[in-house]
Structures are given as C-alpha cells and as structure tokens.
C-alpha cells in the first residue's frame, strides 16, 4: 500500500464517505430505523477519532 492509498483509506475519510452515502440514499420505511442507528454509531465514531487527535 502506497502513501496515497493509505490516506484514501484513513478511518476519518471512510466514515465521512459512509455518512455521505447514508444521507444521499432514499431509504424505505422498514430500513430507516436501522439506518438511523448505524448513522448514530458512525457519528459517535467520527467524534471519537476527532477527539483522539489523529490529525495532529
């Protein structure tokens, strides 16, 4: 894995991609509760990474 690949797969970027897809997709009424739960988990993980100071 080269430097460019490593940056593209940084946890922060992966989580942001997931959040973007979740927000842009139209979910069925049956899927919404599960998507909402996963969205909440992804936001918490993003906050945890931010607090850890990986970019410093």
Protein backbone atom coordinates (compact mmCIF):
# COMPACT_ATOMS: atom_id res chain seq x y z
CA UNK A 1 0.00 0.00 0.00
CA UNK A 2 1.50 3.33 -1.00
CA UNK A 3 1.05 6.69 0.77
CA UNK A 4 -1.86 7.76 -1.43
CA UNK A 5 -3.77 4.56 -0.75
CA UNK A 6 -3.17 4.88 2.97
CA UNK A 7 -4.58 8.42 3.01
CA UNK A 8 -7.63 7.39 0.99
CA UNK A 9 -8.46 4.67 3.48
CA UNK A 10 -7.91 6.72 6.63
CA UNK A 11 -10.72 5.94 9.12
CA UNK A 12 -11.88 9.58 9.11
CA UNK A 13 -12.41 9.55 5.34
CA UNK A 14 -14.08 6.16 5.35
CA UNK A 15 -16.59 7.28 7.97
CA UNK A 16 -17.30 10.51 6.10
CA UNK A 17 -17.97 8.51 2.92
CA UNK A 18 -20.38 6.25 4.76
CA UNK A 19 -22.20 9.23 6.27
CA UNK A 20 -22.48 10.90 2.86
CA UNK A 21 -23.97 7.78 1.28
CA UNK A 22 -26.40 7.36 4.15
CA UNK A 23 -27.63 10.92 3.76
CA UNK A 24 -27.93 10.79 -0.03
CA UNK A 25 -29.78 7.48 -0.26
CA UNK A 26 -33.55 7.21 -0.05
CA UNK A 27 -34.29 4.51 2.49
CA UNK A 28 -37.50 2.52 2.76
CA UNK A 29 -39.67 2.90 5.84
CA UNK A 30 -38.55 -0.54 7.04
CA UNK A 31 -34.85 0.29 6.71
CA UNK A 32 -34.95 3.77 8.30
CA UNK A 33 -34.71 2.70 11.96
CA UNK A 34 -31.69 0.52 11.27
CA UNK A 35 -30.01 3.19 9.13
CA UNK A 36 -30.63 5.77 11.83
CA UNK A 37 -28.97 3.54 14.43
CA UNK A 38 -25.95 2.95 12.20
CA UNK A 39 -25.76 6.67 11.40
CA UNK A 40 -25.66 7.46 15.13
CA UNK A 41 -22.84 4.94 15.62
CA UNK A 42 -20.87 6.42 12.72
CA UNK A 43 -21.24 9.95 14.13
CA UNK A 44 -20.02 8.76 17.52
CA UNK A 45 -17.03 7.04 15.94
CA UNK A 46 -16.19 10.18 13.94
CA UNK A 47 -16.28 12.24 17.15
CA UNK A 48 -14.07 9.70 18.89
CA UNK A 49 -11.48 9.91 16.11
CA UNK A 50 -11.60 13.70 16.22
CA UNK A 51 -11.04 13.72 19.99
CA UNK A 52 -8.12 11.31 19.63
CA UNK A 53 -6.30 13.93 17.60
CA UNK A 54 -5.17 11.75 14.70
CA UNK A 55 -4.58 14.78 12.52
CA UNK A 56 -2.22 16.46 14.99
